[in-house]
Amino acid sequence: MAISERVLRYLGSTRNIAGSVLALLGLLAHFLGLAGALWPLVVAALYGVGALLAPPERVRLTISEVETQGLRADLDGLLRRIDGHFPDDVRAAVHALADVIGGVLARAEQLAASPDQLHVVSQTIRRYLPASLEAYANLPRRYALTRRAGRERSAHEELLAQLALLDAQMGKVAEAIHRGDEQALRDQGRFLRDRFGGSDLDLG
């Protein structure tokens, strides 16, 4: 973190505000003739007391919109890199998966409320999906399409199966988010019915 950023963060912190308030009280005492000749020390001491006694800053572990934009940018970059290097069915499966992930990333607030889901989404974008695609891309095309003796499926079929697993997992994350949205809508419906009476839009 840059020094200037640290300074700006401290200037807006609870500690600095509390210290500044007490220091201003010290200055006021000086102007009223109550602080004596040592008023600079009094002001400094009051600032220190305020800074030390102020409650610490709250730790924020939720992701911000900027962070979800970073994940979105990584996903878009991955999509650009697969064009022209993979068969049509693989590209279609990846783009379908990306659509589901994009819908999840659009709900940053809901995603931030579940660290486990956030971890799965982040790892899918930055680790799981790239690893599967990279392993496949390093194979000769003919080798990837050929089913070897003693194996249930070819490398091509294996990649599609892995993409299907990732799609299913992202579908679960999306369902959880949409379920939360639906519950919020039901809660709003109950509030409106209690306040204004019945509604033709009844979700049961």
Protein backbone atom coordinates (compact mmCIF):
# COMPACT_ATOMS: atom_id res chain seq x y z
CA MET A 1 0.00 0.00 0.00
CA ALA A 2 1.43 3.41 -0.93
CA ILE A 3 2.34 5.82 1.85
CA SER A 4 -0.05 8.47 0.52
CA GLU A 5 -2.89 5.94 0.60
CA ARG A 6 -2.06 5.06 4.21
CA VAL A 7 -2.05 8.74 5.15
CA LEU A 8 -5.41 9.33 3.49
CA ARG A 9 -6.86 6.27 5.19
CA TYR A 10 -5.61 7.45 8.59
CA LEU A 11 -6.95 10.97 8.06
CA GLY A 12 -10.43 9.54 7.66
CA SER A 13 -10.07 7.02 10.47
CA THR A 14 -11.97 7.01 13.75
CA ARG A 15 -8.72 7.44 15.66
CA ASN A 16 -7.76 10.63 13.84
CA ILE A 17 -11.26 12.09 14.18
CA ALA A 18 -11.44 11.36 17.90
CA GLY A 19 -7.95 12.77 18.47
CA SER A 20 -8.71 15.89 16.46
CA VAL A 21 -11.90 16.55 18.43
CA LEU A 22 -10.03 16.41 21.75
CA ALA A 23 -7.18 18.52 20.33
CA LEU A 24 -9.70 21.18 19.32
CA LEU A 25 -11.05 21.14 22.87
CA GLY A 26 -7.48 21.73 24.03
CA LEU A 27 -7.17 24.72 21.71
CA LEU A 28 -10.47 26.06 23.00
CA ALA A 29 -9.17 25.72 26.55
CA HIS A 30 -6.08 27.69 25.53
CA PHE A 31 -8.14 30.52 24.05
CA LEU A 32 -10.20 30.61 27.24
CA GLY A 33 -7.03 30.87 29.27
CA LEU A 34 -7.40 27.46 30.90
CA ALA A 35 -4.46 25.57 29.39
CA GLY A 36 -1.58 27.74 30.64
CA ALA A 37 1.83 28.14 29.01
CA LEU A 38 2.11 24.46 28.20
CA TRP A 39 -0.96 24.46 25.96
CA PRO A 40 0.86 22.87 22.94
CA LEU A 41 1.66 19.84 25.12
CA VAL A 42 -1.92 19.77 26.36
CA VAL A 43 -3.27 19.80 22.79
CA ALA A 44 -0.84 17.05 21.72
CA ALA A 45 -1.67 14.95 24.79
CA LEU A 46 -5.40 15.29 24.19
CA TYR A 47 -4.96 14.23 20.57
CA GLY A 48 -2.99 11.18 21.68
CA VAL A 49 -5.60 10.23 24.27
CA GLY A 50 -8.39 10.51 21.71
CA ALA A 51 -6.48 8.45 19.14
CA LEU A 52 -5.67 5.73 21.66
CA LEU A 53 -9.13 5.47 23.19
CA ALA A 54 -11.04 5.53 19.89
CA PRO A 55 -12.54 2.18 18.83
CA PRO A 56 -10.57 0.37 16.13
CA GLU A 57 -11.71 0.45 12.53
CA ARG A 58 -14.13 -2.29 11.58
CA VAL A 59 -12.64 -5.05 9.48
CA ARG A 60 -14.47 -5.43 6.20
CA LEU A 61 -14.21 -8.81 4.52
CA THR A 62 -16.87 -8.30 1.88
CA ILE A 63 -15.92 -7.81 -1.73
CA SER A 64 -16.53 -4.53 -3.44
CA GLU A 65 -17.90 -3.82 -6.89
CA VAL A 66 -14.33 -3.08 -8.01
CA GLU A 67 -13.23 -6.58 -6.98
CA THR A 68 -16.08 -8.24 -8.86
CA GLN A 69 -15.11 -6.15 -11.87
CA GLY A 70 -11.62 -7.63 -11.57
CA LEU A 71 -13.05 -11.15 -11.66
CA ARG A 72 -15.21 -10.16 -14.63
CA ALA A 73 -12.16 -8.78 -16.44
CA ASP A 74 -10.25 -12.03 -15.80
CA LEU A 75 -13.17 -14.04 -17.16
CA ASP A 76 -13.46 -11.84 -20.26
CA GLY A 77 -9.73 -12.19 -20.86
CA LEU A 78 -10.00 -15.96 -20.67
CA LEU A 79 -12.87 -15.96 -23.16
CA ARG A 80 -10.82 -13.92 -25.61
CA ARG A 81 -7.92 -16.35 -25.37
CA ILE A 82 -9.96 -19.45 -26.20
CA ASP A 83 -11.29 -18.09 -29.51
CA GLY A 84 -9.73 -20.01 -32.39
CA HIS A 85 -7.96 -22.55 -30.17
CA PHE A 86 -10.80 -24.88 -29.19
CA PRO A 87 -13.55 -26.82 -30.98
CA ASP A 88 -16.97 -25.25 -31.33
CA ASP A 89 -18.62 -27.43 -28.68
CA VAL A 90 -15.94 -26.53 -26.14
CA ARG A 91 -16.26 -22.80 -26.87
CA ALA A 92 -20.05 -23.06 -26.58
CA ALA A 93 -19.78 -24.83 -23.22
CA VAL A 94 -17.29 -22.25 -21.90
CA HIS A 95 -19.43 -19.32 -23.03
CA ALA A 96 -22.53 -20.90 -21.44
CA LEU A 97 -20.58 -21.29 -18.18
CA ALA A 98 -19.37 -17.70 -18.47
CA ASP A 99 -22.96 -16.49 -18.80
CA VAL A 100 -23.86 -18.17 -15.52
CA ILE A 101 -20.77 -16.76 -13.80
CA GLY A 102 -21.51 -13.30 -15.20
CA GLY A 103 -24.97 -13.39 -13.67
CA VAL A 104 -23.45 -14.34 -10.32
CA LEU A 105 -20.85 -11.56 -10.48
CA ALA A 106 -23.60 -9.05 -11.19
CA ARG A 107 -24.91 -9.71 -7.67
CA ALA A 108 -21.83 -8.60 -5.75
CA GLU A 109 -23.69 -7.90 -2.51
CA GLN A 110 -25.28 -11.34 -2.34
CA LEU A 111 -22.04 -13.02 -3.38
CA ALA A 112 -20.09 -11.15 -0.69
CA ALA A 113 -22.48 -12.48 1.95
CA SER A 114 -21.26 -16.04 1.31
CA PRO A 115 -17.45 -16.45 1.48
CA ASP A 116 -17.72 -20.10 0.41
CA GLN A 117 -19.59 -19.21 -2.76
CA LEU A 118 -17.21 -16.33 -3.47
CA HIS A 119 -14.27 -18.70 -3.13
CA VAL A 120 -15.80 -21.17 -5.58
CA VAL A 121 -16.51 -18.44 -8.14
CA SER A 122 -13.05 -16.90 -7.81
CA GLN A 123 -11.29 -20.27 -8.05
CA THR A 124 -13.41 -21.29 -11.04
CA ILE A 125 -12.41 -18.14 -12.93
CA ARG A 126 -8.76 -18.01 -11.94
CA ARG A 127 -7.83 -21.65 -11.39
CA TYR A 128 -10.24 -24.47 -12.22
CA LEU A 129 -11.42 -23.35 -15.66
CA PRO A 130 -8.01 -22.12 -16.93
CA ALA A 131 -6.32 -25.33 -15.73
CA SER A 132 -8.77 -27.56 -17.60
CA LEU A 133 -8.55 -25.52 -20.80
CA GLU A 134 -4.77 -25.26 -20.66
CA ALA A 135 -4.29 -29.00 -20.18
CA TYR A 136 -6.51 -29.66 -23.20
CA ALA A 137 -4.88 -26.97 -25.36
CA ASN A 138 -1.45 -28.54 -24.86
CA LEU A 139 -2.62 -31.79 -26.48
CA PRO A 140 -2.42 -32.37 -30.24
CA ARG A 141 -5.93 -32.05 -31.67
CA ARG A 142 -6.00 -35.58 -33.10
CA TYR A 143 -4.79 -37.05 -29.81
CA ALA A 144 -7.43 -35.12 -27.86
CA LEU A 145 -10.25 -36.43 -30.05
CA THR A 146 -9.15 -40.07 -29.96
CA ARG A 147 -10.36 -42.41 -27.24
CA ARG A 148 -7.38 -44.43 -26.00
CA ALA A 149 -7.53 -48.11 -25.14
CA GLY A 150 -8.66 -48.77 -21.59
CA ARG A 151 -10.08 -45.25 -21.12
CA GLU A 152 -13.76 -44.45 -20.83
CA ARG A 153 -13.54 -41.21 -22.79
CA SER A 154 -11.22 -39.13 -24.91
CA ALA A 155 -9.48 -35.99 -23.69
CA HIS A 156 -12.11 -33.99 -25.58
CA GLU A 157 -14.92 -35.80 -23.79
CA GLU A 158 -13.09 -35.41 -20.48
CA LEU A 159 -12.86 -31.63 -20.96
CA LEU A 160 -16.57 -31.39 -21.75
CA ALA A 161 -17.32 -33.43 -18.61
CA GLN A 162 -15.21 -31.07 -16.51
CA LEU A 163 -16.96 -28.06 -18.01
CA ALA A 164 -20.30 -29.66 -17.19
CA LEU A 165 -19.20 -30.14 -13.56
CA LEU A 166 -18.16 -26.49 -13.30
CA ASP A 167 -21.42 -25.40 -14.91
CA ALA A 168 -23.41 -27.48 -12.42
CA GLN A 169 -21.52 -25.96 -9.49
CA MET A 170 -21.99 -22.41 -10.79
CA GLY A 171 -25.65 -23.23 -11.27
CA LYS A 172 -25.89 -24.09 -7.58
CA VAL A 173 -24.29 -20.77 -6.65
CA ALA A 174 -26.66 -18.88 -8.96
CA GLU A 175 -29.65 -20.77 -7.56
CA ALA A 176 -28.66 -19.85 -4.01
CA ILE A 177 -28.41 -16.19 -4.98
CA HIS A 178 -31.74 -16.21 -6.83
CA ARG A 179 -33.33 -18.04 -3.91
CA GLY A 180 -32.26 -15.16 -1.72
CA ASP A 181 -33.77 -12.71 -4.20
CA GLU A 182 -37.02 -14.68 -4.21
CA GLN A 183 -37.12 -14.69 -0.42
CA ALA A 184 -36.59 -10.92 -0.41
CA LEU A 185 -39.53 -10.59 -2.83
CA ARG A 186 -41.72 -12.77 -0.60
CA ASP A 187 -40.73 -10.73 2.46
CA GLN A 188 -41.62 -7.55 0.59
CA GLY A 189 -44.96 -9.09 -0.39
CA ARG A 190 -45.77 -9.95 3.23
CA PHE A 191 -44.88 -6.41 4.27
CA LEU A 192 -47.09 -4.88 1.58
CA ARG A 193 -50.01 -7.17 2.39
CA ASP A 194 -49.72 -6.34 6.07
CA ARG A 195 -49.59 -2.65 5.26
CA PHE A 196 -52.00 -2.29 2.35
CA GLY A 197 -54.02 -5.49 2.17
CA GLY A 198 -54.11 -8.30 -0.39
CA SER A 199 -52.34 -8.40 -3.74
CA ASP A 200 -53.07 -10.16 -7.02
CA LEU A 201 -49.35 -11.06 -7.19
CA ASP A 202 -49.22 -13.86 -4.62
CA LEU A 203 -46.22 -16.14 -4.72
CA GLY A 204 -47.66 -18.45 -2.11
